[in-house]
Each structure stands twice: as C-alpha cells, then as structure tokens.
N, C-alpha and C. Protein backbone atom coordinates (compact mmCIF):
# COMPACT_ATOMS: atom_id res chain seq x y z
N MET A 1 -43.55 88.34 -1.57
CA MET A 1 -42.25 87.96 -2.21
C MET A 1 -41.74 89.16 -3.04
N GLY A 2 -40.42 89.55 -2.79
CA GLY A 2 -39.87 90.69 -3.31
C GLY A 2 -39.39 90.41 -4.68
N LYS A 3 -38.91 91.46 -5.41
CA LYS A 3 -38.48 91.43 -6.82
C LYS A 3 -37.06 90.69 -6.83
N HIS A 4 -37.00 89.78 -7.78
CA HIS A 4 -35.75 89.04 -7.97
C HIS A 4 -34.78 90.02 -8.75
N GLU A 5 -33.62 89.59 -8.76
CA GLU A 5 -32.51 90.28 -9.63
C GLU A 5 -32.82 90.30 -11.04
N GLY A 6 -33.50 89.08 -11.39
CA GLY A 6 -33.72 88.83 -12.84
C GLY A 6 -32.85 87.78 -13.36
N MET A 7 -33.33 87.11 -14.26
CA MET A 7 -32.61 85.98 -14.84
C MET A 7 -31.79 86.40 -16.00
N THR A 8 -30.80 87.29 -15.83
CA THR A 8 -29.90 87.79 -16.81
C THR A 8 -29.24 86.67 -17.61
N ASN A 9 -28.92 85.51 -17.00
CA ASN A 9 -28.35 84.43 -17.75
C ASN A 9 -29.30 83.92 -18.75
N LEU A 10 -30.55 83.94 -18.50
CA LEU A 10 -31.56 83.42 -19.30
C LEU A 10 -31.61 84.39 -20.55
N LYS A 11 -31.59 85.52 -20.33
CA LYS A 11 -31.57 86.61 -21.54
C LYS A 11 -30.23 86.37 -22.30
N VAL A 12 -29.14 86.15 -21.64
CA VAL A 12 -27.88 86.02 -22.37
C VAL A 12 -27.94 84.67 -23.34
N MET A 13 -28.42 83.62 -22.73
CA MET A 13 -28.55 82.32 -23.49
C MET A 13 -29.42 82.49 -24.53
N ARG A 14 -30.47 83.13 -24.37
CA ARG A 14 -31.53 83.36 -25.36
C ARG A 14 -30.98 84.20 -26.50
N ALA A 15 -30.20 85.21 -26.21
CA ALA A 15 -29.55 86.00 -27.29
C ALA A 15 -28.44 85.19 -28.06
N ARG A 16 -27.74 84.34 -27.30
CA ARG A 16 -26.74 83.49 -27.94
C ARG A 16 -27.29 82.60 -28.93
N ARG A 17 -28.53 82.20 -28.78
CA ARG A 17 -29.26 81.29 -29.62
C ARG A 17 -30.10 82.07 -30.69
N ASN A 18 -29.86 83.43 -30.64
CA ASN A 18 -30.65 84.33 -31.56
C ASN A 18 -32.08 84.00 -31.59
N MET A 19 -32.59 83.84 -30.37
CA MET A 19 -34.06 83.65 -30.20
C MET A 19 -34.75 84.95 -29.63
N THR A 20 -35.89 85.16 -29.99
CA THR A 20 -36.68 86.26 -29.49
C THR A 20 -37.39 85.69 -28.24
N GLN A 21 -37.86 86.56 -27.41
CA GLN A 21 -38.60 86.07 -26.24
C GLN A 21 -39.90 85.27 -26.66
N GLU A 22 -40.44 85.64 -27.82
CA GLU A 22 -41.63 84.96 -28.23
C GLU A 22 -41.28 83.44 -28.68
N GLU A 23 -40.02 83.43 -29.32
CA GLU A 23 -39.66 82.01 -29.78
C GLU A 23 -39.46 81.18 -28.59
N LEU A 24 -38.68 81.64 -27.67
CA LEU A 24 -38.38 80.98 -26.47
C LEU A 24 -39.67 80.52 -25.72
N ALA A 25 -40.60 81.51 -25.58
CA ALA A 25 -41.82 81.15 -24.93
C ALA A 25 -42.60 80.03 -25.67
N LYS A 26 -42.64 80.11 -27.02
CA LYS A 26 -43.36 78.98 -27.73
C LYS A 26 -42.67 77.70 -27.61
N LYS A 27 -41.33 77.60 -27.62
CA LYS A 27 -40.59 76.41 -27.57
C LYS A 27 -40.68 75.83 -26.10
N ALA A 28 -40.78 76.74 -25.06
CA ALA A 28 -40.83 76.20 -23.74
C ALA A 28 -42.24 75.95 -23.18
N GLY A 29 -43.24 76.43 -24.01
CA GLY A 29 -44.58 76.19 -23.60
C GLY A 29 -45.11 77.24 -22.55
N VAL A 30 -44.58 78.34 -22.56
CA VAL A 30 -45.01 79.45 -21.61
C VAL A 30 -45.39 80.68 -22.50
N THR A 31 -45.92 81.78 -21.81
CA THR A 31 -46.32 82.89 -22.57
C THR A 31 -45.18 83.85 -22.72
N LEU A 32 -45.24 84.75 -23.64
CA LEU A 32 -44.29 85.79 -23.85
C LEU A 32 -44.14 86.63 -22.59
N THR A 33 -45.31 86.96 -21.97
CA THR A 33 -45.16 87.76 -20.77
C THR A 33 -44.42 87.03 -19.59
N THR A 34 -44.59 85.75 -19.59
CA THR A 34 -43.74 84.88 -18.54
C THR A 34 -42.25 85.18 -18.77
N ILE A 35 -41.89 85.00 -20.03
CA ILE A 35 -40.43 85.12 -20.32
C ILE A 35 -39.95 86.52 -19.90
N SER A 36 -40.75 87.49 -20.20
CA SER A 36 -40.40 88.84 -19.88
C SER A 36 -40.25 88.95 -18.41
N TYR A 37 -41.23 88.48 -17.60
CA TYR A 37 -41.13 88.46 -16.23
C TYR A 37 -39.91 87.83 -15.60
N TYR A 38 -39.57 86.72 -16.23
CA TYR A 38 -38.46 85.95 -15.68
C TYR A 38 -37.16 86.80 -15.97
N GLU A 39 -37.01 87.40 -17.12
CA GLU A 39 -35.81 88.14 -17.51
C GLU A 39 -35.73 89.41 -16.70
N THR A 40 -36.87 90.02 -16.30
CA THR A 40 -36.83 91.30 -15.56
C THR A 40 -36.79 91.16 -13.99
N GLY A 41 -37.05 89.87 -13.63
CA GLY A 41 -36.99 89.55 -12.23
C GLY A 41 -38.32 89.77 -11.44
N HIS A 42 -39.47 89.81 -12.22
CA HIS A 42 -40.74 89.95 -11.55
C HIS A 42 -41.30 88.60 -11.14
N ARG A 43 -40.83 87.47 -11.72
CA ARG A 43 -41.12 86.25 -11.36
C ARG A 43 -39.98 85.35 -11.42
N PHE A 44 -39.90 84.22 -10.88
CA PHE A 44 -38.85 83.18 -11.02
C PHE A 44 -39.46 81.85 -11.29
N PRO A 45 -39.09 81.19 -12.40
CA PRO A 45 -39.71 79.81 -12.68
C PRO A 45 -39.53 78.80 -11.62
N ARG A 46 -40.48 77.92 -11.71
CA ARG A 46 -40.51 76.72 -10.86
C ARG A 46 -39.52 75.66 -11.56
N GLY A 47 -39.24 74.57 -10.88
CA GLY A 47 -38.28 73.65 -11.36
C GLY A 47 -38.64 73.03 -12.70
N ASP A 48 -40.05 72.60 -12.87
CA ASP A 48 -40.46 71.96 -14.14
C ASP A 48 -40.27 73.09 -15.32
N THR A 49 -40.52 74.30 -14.99
CA THR A 49 -40.41 75.27 -16.13
C THR A 49 -38.92 75.59 -16.34
N LEU A 50 -38.08 75.61 -15.25
CA LEU A 50 -36.63 75.76 -15.59
C LEU A 50 -36.13 74.66 -16.52
N LYS A 51 -36.57 73.48 -16.26
CA LYS A 51 -36.23 72.30 -17.08
C LYS A 51 -36.54 72.58 -18.57
N LYS A 52 -37.81 73.02 -18.82
CA LYS A 52 -38.33 73.30 -20.14
C LYS A 52 -37.58 74.47 -20.77
N LEU A 53 -37.13 75.48 -20.02
CA LEU A 53 -36.43 76.56 -20.55
C LEU A 53 -35.02 76.13 -21.01
N ALA A 54 -34.42 75.31 -20.08
CA ALA A 54 -33.06 74.67 -20.45
C ALA A 54 -33.10 73.91 -21.67
N GLU A 55 -34.20 73.01 -21.83
CA GLU A 55 -34.26 72.17 -22.93
C GLU A 55 -34.47 73.04 -24.23
N ALA A 56 -35.30 74.02 -24.16
CA ALA A 56 -35.63 75.02 -25.27
C ALA A 56 -34.29 75.68 -25.78
N LEU A 57 -33.46 75.92 -24.80
CA LEU A 57 -32.13 76.67 -25.10
C LEU A 57 -31.03 75.70 -25.32
N ASP A 58 -31.21 74.42 -25.22
CA ASP A 58 -30.27 73.43 -25.39
C ASP A 58 -29.11 73.62 -24.47
N CYS A 59 -29.41 73.82 -23.12
CA CYS A 59 -28.23 74.01 -22.24
C CYS A 59 -28.65 73.45 -20.83
N GLU A 60 -27.92 73.58 -19.87
CA GLU A 60 -28.14 73.11 -18.51
C GLU A 60 -28.87 74.16 -17.74
N ILE A 61 -29.70 73.73 -16.75
CA ILE A 61 -30.40 74.71 -15.90
C ILE A 61 -29.36 75.63 -15.32
N LYS A 62 -28.26 75.20 -14.76
CA LYS A 62 -27.24 76.06 -14.22
C LYS A 62 -26.68 77.17 -15.07
N ASP A 63 -26.91 77.03 -16.45
CA ASP A 63 -26.51 78.00 -17.34
C ASP A 63 -27.47 79.25 -17.45
N ILE A 64 -28.67 79.02 -17.00
CA ILE A 64 -29.71 80.02 -17.10
C ILE A 64 -30.03 80.72 -15.73
N VAL A 65 -29.69 80.15 -14.68
CA VAL A 65 -30.02 80.85 -13.40
C VAL A 65 -28.84 81.53 -12.83
C-alpha cells in the first residue's frame, strides 16, 4: 500500500476545534501516533475509526476525509 496524501481535512478540523493530536486521540480512542499517521498520510482510518474521529470532532465523516 502506497503513502496516502494525508488527511489534511482532519488536521484542519482538529485545529478549528483547538484540539491537540493527543486530545483527539484520547477522545477518539486511538493513539497519538495513529493520529499523526492519519494526518501525514502514512495510514488511513477504517470506517469505524472514521466514525469515532468525526464524533470526537463533532462533524461529519465527509468533513475530515
């Protein structure tokens, strides 16, 4: 699997909520490293994790992908 472009929208939404990667990780139930990997494109979240991230950011999945 190649490197993804990165979830820049995830980073934008997190910044709009004034959340750190660590805060988002705790709220979504994933590790800090996982959030970093998503934002830099080293990994892409599965559907269940996308839902948790959207809930943690109080937004729609489409807003973060």
